[in-house]
Amino acid sequence: MMIKKLLCVDDDKITLTLIKLVVEKASFAEEVITKMNGKEALDYYDSIDGSPVKERYPELIFLDLNMPVMGGWDFLDEFAKGFYKKFSQTKIVILSSSTDPEERARAKMYPMIIDYLTKPLTINALRSIRI
């Protein structure tokens, strides 16, 4: 199954490049958009939210938790408050280097989060995602 649009939010350019390579190799998404932090991702949603022609929005977001400017948890809270009603089809996968069980438990409290994967992303991990 290939999704149309994937949004990757991570402050590490190497991680973003690796995600793109794995996604291409697995034919997982037609288009990959990258943002360097939660604020950039929210600005992106602002830009497509107000567009007269509803731009096809990402079906899936890969979200890092620890980023400068705005981290993953702050993004999740803002997204849940401001955009989730309008973009309720969007699912989120946490992609973090953290293996903290408390973070995994916290992630389960957000209805849009469907998985919590540990970096680096692999083709097998991609194939395990069920949207």
N, C-alpha and C. Protein backbone atom coordinates (compact mmCIF):
# COMPACT_ATOMS: atom_id res chain seq x y z
N MET A 1 0.83 -1.19 0.00
CA MET A 1 0.00 0.00 0.00
C MET A 1 0.88 1.26 0.00
N MET A 2 0.59 2.17 -0.91
CA MET A 2 1.38 3.40 -0.96
C MET A 2 0.50 4.57 -0.55
N ILE A 3 1.04 5.40 0.35
CA ILE A 3 0.30 6.60 0.72
C ILE A 3 0.72 7.73 -0.21
N LYS A 4 -0.13 8.74 -0.32
CA LYS A 4 0.15 9.86 -1.22
C LYS A 4 1.19 10.80 -0.64
N LYS A 5 0.98 11.21 0.62
CA LYS A 5 1.84 12.25 1.17
C LYS A 5 2.25 11.90 2.60
N LEU A 6 3.57 12.00 2.86
CA LEU A 6 4.14 11.72 4.16
C LEU A 6 4.87 12.97 4.64
N LEU A 7 4.62 13.36 5.89
CA LEU A 7 5.32 14.48 6.48
C LEU A 7 6.30 13.94 7.53
N CYS A 8 7.59 14.31 7.39
CA CYS A 8 8.61 13.91 8.36
C CYS A 8 9.07 15.13 9.12
N VAL A 9 8.97 15.06 10.44
CA VAL A 9 9.37 16.19 11.28
C VAL A 9 10.53 15.73 12.15
N ASP A 10 11.73 16.23 11.83
CA ASP A 10 12.94 15.83 12.55
C ASP A 10 13.98 16.92 12.35
N ASP A 11 14.75 17.21 13.39
CA ASP A 11 15.75 18.27 13.28
C ASP A 11 17.08 17.77 12.72
N ASP A 12 17.18 16.48 12.42
CA ASP A 12 18.42 15.92 11.92
C ASP A 12 18.32 15.63 10.42
N LYS A 13 19.13 16.35 9.63
CA LYS A 13 19.07 16.21 8.17
C LYS A 13 19.43 14.80 7.70
N ILE A 14 20.37 14.16 8.39
CA ILE A 14 20.77 12.80 8.01
C ILE A 14 19.60 11.84 8.22
N THR A 15 18.92 11.98 9.36
CA THR A 15 17.74 11.15 9.62
C THR A 15 16.69 11.35 8.53
N LEU A 16 16.44 12.61 8.16
CA LEU A 16 15.44 12.90 7.12
C LEU A 16 15.84 12.26 5.79
N THR A 17 17.11 12.32 5.45
CA THR A 17 17.60 11.70 4.21
C THR A 17 17.42 10.19 4.26
N LEU A 18 17.75 9.59 5.40
CA LEU A 18 17.58 8.13 5.54
C LEU A 18 16.11 7.73 5.43
N ILE A 19 15.23 8.50 6.06
CA ILE A 19 13.79 8.20 5.98
C ILE A 19 13.35 8.23 4.51
N LYS A 20 13.77 9.29 3.78
CA LYS A 20 13.39 9.39 2.37
C LYS A 20 13.87 8.17 1.57
N LEU A 21 15.11 7.75 1.82
CA LEU A 21 15.67 6.59 1.10
C LEU A 21 14.87 5.32 1.39
N VAL A 22 14.58 5.08 2.67
CA VAL A 22 13.83 3.88 3.05
C VAL A 22 12.41 3.92 2.47
N VAL A 23 11.78 5.10 2.53
CA VAL A 23 10.42 5.26 2.00
C VAL A 23 10.39 5.00 0.49
N GLU A 24 11.40 5.53 -0.22
CA GLU A 24 11.48 5.29 -1.67
C GLU A 24 11.70 3.82 -1.98
N LYS A 25 12.65 3.22 -1.27
CA LYS A 25 12.98 1.81 -1.50
C LYS A 25 11.78 0.90 -1.28
N ALA A 26 10.97 1.24 -0.29
CA ALA A 26 9.79 0.42 0.05
C ALA A 26 8.55 0.84 -0.74
N SER A 27 8.69 1.85 -1.62
CA SER A 27 7.53 2.40 -2.34
C SER A 27 6.39 2.69 -1.38
N PHE A 28 6.70 3.40 -0.30
CA PHE A 28 5.74 3.63 0.79
C PHE A 28 4.91 4.90 0.59
N ALA A 29 5.53 5.94 0.00
CA ALA A 29 4.82 7.21 -0.18
C ALA A 29 5.21 7.84 -1.51
N GLU A 30 4.24 8.50 -2.14
CA GLU A 30 4.51 9.19 -3.41
C GLU A 30 5.30 10.47 -3.18
N GLU A 31 4.99 11.17 -2.08
CA GLU A 31 5.64 12.45 -1.81
C GLU A 31 6.04 12.50 -0.35
N VAL A 32 7.26 13.00 -0.09
CA VAL A 32 7.75 13.15 1.28
C VAL A 32 8.06 14.63 1.51
N ILE A 33 7.42 15.20 2.51
CA ILE A 33 7.66 16.59 2.90
C ILE A 33 8.45 16.55 4.20
N THR A 34 9.44 17.42 4.33
CA THR A 34 10.22 17.42 5.55
C THR A 34 10.15 18.79 6.23
N LYS A 35 10.07 18.76 7.54
CA LYS A 35 10.11 19.97 8.38
C LYS A 35 11.09 19.70 9.50
N MET A 36 11.78 20.77 9.94
CA MET A 36 12.89 20.60 10.89
C MET A 36 12.46 20.66 12.37
N ASN A 37 11.21 21.06 12.63
CA ASN A 37 10.73 21.09 14.02
C ASN A 37 9.21 21.21 14.03
N GLY A 38 8.64 21.13 15.23
CA GLY A 38 7.18 21.17 15.36
C GLY A 38 6.57 22.47 14.88
N LYS A 39 7.27 23.59 15.09
CA LYS A 39 6.76 24.89 14.65
C LYS A 39 6.64 24.93 13.12
N GLU A 40 7.68 24.46 12.43
CA GLU A 40 7.61 24.41 10.95
C GLU A 40 6.45 23.53 10.49
N ALA A 41 6.23 22.43 11.18
CA ALA A 41 5.13 21.52 10.81
C ALA A 41 3.78 22.19 11.04
N LEU A 42 3.62 22.92 12.15
CA LEU A 42 2.36 23.64 12.40
C LEU A 42 2.15 24.75 11.37
N ASP A 43 3.24 25.44 11.00
CA ASP A 43 3.14 26.48 9.97
C ASP A 43 2.69 25.87 8.64
N TYR A 44 3.19 24.68 8.35
CA TYR A 44 2.78 23.97 7.13
C TYR A 44 1.27 23.68 7.18
N TYR A 45 0.79 23.18 8.31
CA TYR A 45 -0.65 22.92 8.44
C TYR A 45 -1.46 24.20 8.34
N ASP A 46 -0.95 25.30 8.90
CA ASP A 46 -1.60 26.60 8.74
C ASP A 46 -1.75 26.94 7.27
N SER A 47 -0.69 26.71 6.51
CA SER A 47 -0.69 27.10 5.09
C SER A 47 -1.67 26.26 4.27
N ILE A 48 -1.81 24.97 4.58
CA ILE A 48 -2.75 24.16 3.79
C ILE A 48 -4.18 24.28 4.33
N ASP A 49 -4.32 24.66 5.60
CA ASP A 49 -5.64 24.79 6.20
C ASP A 49 -6.41 25.94 5.55
N GLY A 50 -5.71 27.03 5.26
CA GLY A 50 -6.39 28.19 4.70
C GLY A 50 -6.48 28.20 3.20
N SER A 51 -5.88 27.23 2.51
CA SER A 51 -5.87 27.28 1.05
C SER A 51 -7.26 26.98 0.50
N PRO A 52 -7.69 27.77 -0.52
CA PRO A 52 -9.03 27.60 -1.08
C PRO A 52 -9.22 26.20 -1.67
N VAL A 53 -8.24 25.73 -2.40
CA VAL A 53 -8.29 24.35 -2.89
C VAL A 53 -7.61 23.53 -1.81
N LYS A 54 -8.39 22.67 -1.19
CA LYS A 54 -7.84 21.89 -0.07
C LYS A 54 -6.71 21.01 -0.60
N GLU A 55 -5.49 21.46 -0.35
CA GLU A 55 -4.32 20.69 -0.79
C GLU A 55 -4.39 19.33 -0.12
N ARG A 56 -4.01 18.32 -0.87
CA ARG A 56 -3.99 16.98 -0.28
C ARG A 56 -3.03 16.99 0.90
N TYR A 57 -3.53 16.70 2.07
CA TYR A 57 -2.70 16.78 3.26
C TYR A 57 -2.10 15.41 3.59
N PRO A 58 -1.04 15.40 4.39
CA PRO A 58 -0.36 14.13 4.70
C PRO A 58 -1.29 13.15 5.41
N GLU A 59 -1.24 11.91 4.95
CA GLU A 59 -1.99 10.86 5.64
C GLU A 59 -1.23 10.41 6.87
N LEU A 60 0.10 10.62 6.84
CA LEU A 60 0.94 10.11 7.91
C LEU A 60 2.04 11.12 8.23
N ILE A 61 2.35 11.23 9.53
CA ILE A 61 3.46 12.06 9.98
C ILE A 61 4.42 11.17 10.76
N PHE A 62 5.71 11.23 10.40
CA PHE A 62 6.76 10.66 11.25
C PHE A 62 7.26 11.80 12.11
N LEU A 63 7.16 11.63 13.41
CA LEU A 63 7.46 12.73 14.33
C LEU A 63 8.55 12.36 15.32
N ASP A 64 9.61 13.18 15.30
CA ASP A 64 10.67 13.05 16.31
C ASP A 64 10.17 13.76 17.58
N LEU A 65 10.67 13.37 18.73
CA LEU A 65 10.21 14.00 19.97
C LEU A 65 11.12 15.12 20.44
N ASN A 66 12.43 14.92 20.32
CA ASN A 66 13.37 15.91 20.85
C ASN A 66 13.94 16.78 19.74
N MET A 67 13.41 18.00 19.64
CA MET A 67 13.84 18.95 18.62
C MET A 67 13.92 20.34 19.23
N PRO A 68 14.82 21.18 18.70
CA PRO A 68 14.84 22.57 19.16
C PRO A 68 13.62 23.33 18.63
N VAL A 69 13.39 24.52 19.09
CA VAL A 69 12.28 25.41 18.73
C VAL A 69 10.96 24.86 19.26
N MET A 70 10.51 23.74 18.72
CA MET A 70 9.30 23.07 19.23
C MET A 70 9.45 21.57 19.05
N GLY A 71 9.41 20.85 20.17
CA GLY A 71 9.57 19.41 20.13
C GLY A 71 8.28 18.68 19.77
N GLY A 72 8.38 17.36 19.71
CA GLY A 72 7.26 16.53 19.29
C GLY A 72 6.04 16.61 20.20
N TRP A 73 6.26 16.62 21.52
CA TRP A 73 5.11 16.65 22.44
C TRP A 73 4.34 17.97 22.29
N ASP A 74 5.07 19.10 22.18
CA ASP A 74 4.40 20.40 22.00
C ASP A 74 3.64 20.43 20.68
N PHE A 75 4.26 19.87 19.64
CA PHE A 75 3.57 19.79 18.34
C PHE A 75 2.28 19.00 18.49
N LEU A 76 2.36 17.85 19.16
CA LEU A 76 1.17 17.00 19.33
C LEU A 76 0.04 17.75 20.04
N ASP A 77 0.39 18.48 21.11
CA ASP A 77 -0.63 19.22 21.85
C ASP A 77 -1.27 20.30 20.97
N GLU A 78 -0.44 21.03 20.21
CA GLU A 78 -0.97 22.08 19.33
C GLU A 78 -1.79 21.48 18.19
N PHE A 79 -1.30 20.40 17.62
CA PHE A 79 -2.01 19.73 16.52
C PHE A 79 -3.37 19.22 17.01
N ALA A 80 -3.37 18.62 18.19
CA ALA A 80 -4.62 18.08 18.76
C ALA A 80 -5.63 19.21 18.99
N LYS A 81 -5.16 20.36 19.47
CA LYS A 81 -6.06 21.49 19.75
C LYS A 81 -6.53 22.17 18.47
N GLY A 82 -5.59 22.44 17.57
CA GLY A 82 -5.91 23.31 16.45
C GLY A 82 -6.25 22.66 15.13
N PHE A 83 -5.75 21.44 14.89
CA PHE A 83 -5.89 20.88 13.54
C PHE A 83 -6.54 19.50 13.48
N TYR A 84 -6.54 18.77 14.58
CA TYR A 84 -6.97 17.37 14.51
C TYR A 84 -8.41 17.20 14.03
N LYS A 85 -9.29 18.14 14.40
CA LYS A 85 -10.68 18.03 13.93
C LYS A 85 -10.75 18.07 12.41
N LYS A 86 -10.00 19.01 11.81
CA LYS A 86 -10.03 19.18 10.35
C LYS A 86 -9.22 18.12 9.63
N PHE A 87 -8.16 17.64 10.27
CA PHE A 87 -7.26 16.68 9.63
C PHE A 87 -7.29 15.35 10.39
N SER A 88 -8.49 14.90 10.69
CA SER A 88 -8.63 13.73 11.56
C SER A 88 -8.18 12.43 10.89
N GLN A 89 -8.00 12.46 9.56
CA GLN A 89 -7.52 11.26 8.87
C GLN A 89 -6.01 11.09 9.02
N THR A 90 -5.33 12.15 9.45
CA THR A 90 -3.88 12.09 9.59
C THR A 90 -3.49 11.24 10.78
N LYS A 91 -2.62 10.28 10.54
CA LYS A 91 -2.10 9.42 11.60
C LYS A 91 -0.64 9.81 11.87
N ILE A 92 -0.18 9.55 13.08
CA ILE A 92 1.18 9.93 13.46
C ILE A 92 1.93 8.71 14.00
N VAL A 93 3.17 8.57 13.54
CA VAL A 93 4.08 7.56 14.07
C VAL A 93 5.23 8.31 14.73
N ILE A 94 5.44 8.05 16.01
CA ILE A 94 6.60 8.63 16.70
C ILE A 94 7.82 7.86 16.21
N LEU A 95 8.83 8.62 15.77
CA LEU A 95 10.09 8.02 15.34
C LEU A 95 11.18 8.67 16.18
N SER A 96 11.59 7.97 17.22
CA SER A 96 12.46 8.58 18.22
C SER A 96 13.66 7.70 18.51
N SER A 97 14.72 8.32 18.99
CA SER A 97 15.87 7.51 19.43
C SER A 97 15.66 7.06 20.88
N SER A 98 14.62 7.59 21.53
CA SER A 98 14.34 7.26 22.92
C SER A 98 13.60 5.92 23.02
N THR A 99 14.02 5.10 23.97
CA THR A 99 13.32 3.84 24.22
C THR A 99 12.62 3.88 25.58
N ASP A 100 12.41 5.09 26.08
CA ASP A 100 11.81 5.31 27.40
C ASP A 100 10.37 4.78 27.43
N PRO A 101 10.07 3.80 28.31
CA PRO A 101 8.71 3.26 28.40
C PRO A 101 7.67 4.32 28.77
N GLU A 102 8.09 5.34 29.52
CA GLU A 102 7.15 6.41 29.88
C GLU A 102 6.72 7.20 28.65
N GLU A 103 7.65 7.42 27.73
CA GLU A 103 7.30 8.12 26.50
C GLU A 103 6.36 7.27 25.64
N ARG A 104 6.62 5.97 25.60
CA ARG A 104 5.72 5.08 24.85
C ARG A 104 4.31 5.12 25.45
N ALA A 105 4.24 5.11 26.77
CA ALA A 105 2.94 5.15 27.46
C ALA A 105 2.24 6.48 27.19
N ARG A 106 3.01 7.57 27.25
CA ARG A 106 2.44 8.90 26.98
C ARG A 106 1.90 8.98 25.54
N ALA A 107 2.61 8.37 24.60
CA ALA A 107 2.19 8.40 23.20
C ALA A 107 0.83 7.73 23.01
N LYS A 108 0.54 6.72 23.83
CA LYS A 108 -0.75 6.00 23.71
C LYS A 108 -1.94 6.88 24.09
N MET A 109 -1.68 8.02 24.74
CA MET A 109 -2.78 8.89 25.15
C MET A 109 -3.28 9.78 24.01
N TYR A 110 -2.57 9.81 22.90
CA TYR A 110 -2.99 10.62 21.75
C TYR A 110 -3.68 9.73 20.73
N PRO A 111 -4.92 10.06 20.36
CA PRO A 111 -5.68 9.18 19.45
C PRO A 111 -5.07 9.07 18.04
N MET A 112 -4.31 10.11 17.63
CA MET A 112 -3.77 10.08 16.26
C MET A 112 -2.49 9.28 16.13
N ILE A 113 -1.88 8.91 17.27
CA ILE A 113 -0.63 8.14 17.21
C ILE A 113 -0.95 6.66 17.04
N ILE A 114 -0.40 6.08 15.96
CA ILE A 114 -0.68 4.67 15.68
C ILE A 114 0.51 3.76 15.97
N ASP A 115 1.70 4.35 16.16
CA ASP A 115 2.86 3.52 16.43
C ASP A 115 3.99 4.35 17.04
N TYR A 116 4.93 3.66 17.66
CA TYR A 116 6.10 4.30 18.25
C TYR A 116 7.30 3.46 17.81
N LEU A 117 8.10 4.00 16.91
CA LEU A 117 9.24 3.26 16.38
C LEU A 117 10.54 3.90 16.86
N THR A 118 11.54 3.05 17.01
CA THR A 118 12.86 3.54 17.41
C THR A 118 13.72 3.71 16.16
N LYS A 119 14.44 4.84 16.11
CA LYS A 119 15.34 5.09 14.98
C LYS A 119 16.47 4.07 14.99
N PRO A 120 17.06 3.77 13.85
CA PRO A 120 16.70 4.28 12.53
C PRO A 120 15.51 3.52 11.93
N LEU A 121 14.82 4.20 11.03
CA LEU A 121 13.69 3.57 10.34
C LEU A 121 14.21 2.50 9.38
N THR A 122 13.55 1.35 9.40
CA THR A 122 13.93 0.27 8.48
C THR A 122 12.75 -0.07 7.57
N ILE A 123 13.03 -0.77 6.49
CA ILE A 123 11.96 -1.19 5.58
C ILE A 123 10.98 -2.10 6.32
N ASN A 124 11.48 -3.00 7.16
CA ASN A 124 10.58 -3.89 7.92
C ASN A 124 9.67 -3.10 8.85
N ALA A 125 10.22 -2.06 9.50
CA ALA A 125 9.41 -1.24 10.38
C ALA A 125 8.33 -0.51 9.57
N LEU A 126 8.71 -0.03 8.39
CA LEU A 126 7.73 0.64 7.51
C LEU A 126 6.61 -0.30 7.17
N ARG A 127 6.96 -1.52 6.82
CA ARG A 127 5.94 -2.50 6.40
C ARG A 127 5.03 -2.88 7.55
N SER A 128 5.47 -2.67 8.80
CA SER A 128 4.64 -3.04 9.95
C SER A 128 3.58 -1.99 10.26
N ILE A 129 3.71 -0.80 9.65
CA ILE A 129 2.77 0.28 9.93
C ILE A 129 1.44 0.01 9.23
N ARG A 130 0.36 0.09 10.01
CA ARG A 130 -0.99 -0.11 9.45
C ARG A 130 -1.77 1.18 9.59
N ILE A 131 -2.02 1.81 8.46
CA ILE A 131 -2.74 3.09 8.51
C ILE A 131 -4.24 2.84 8.46
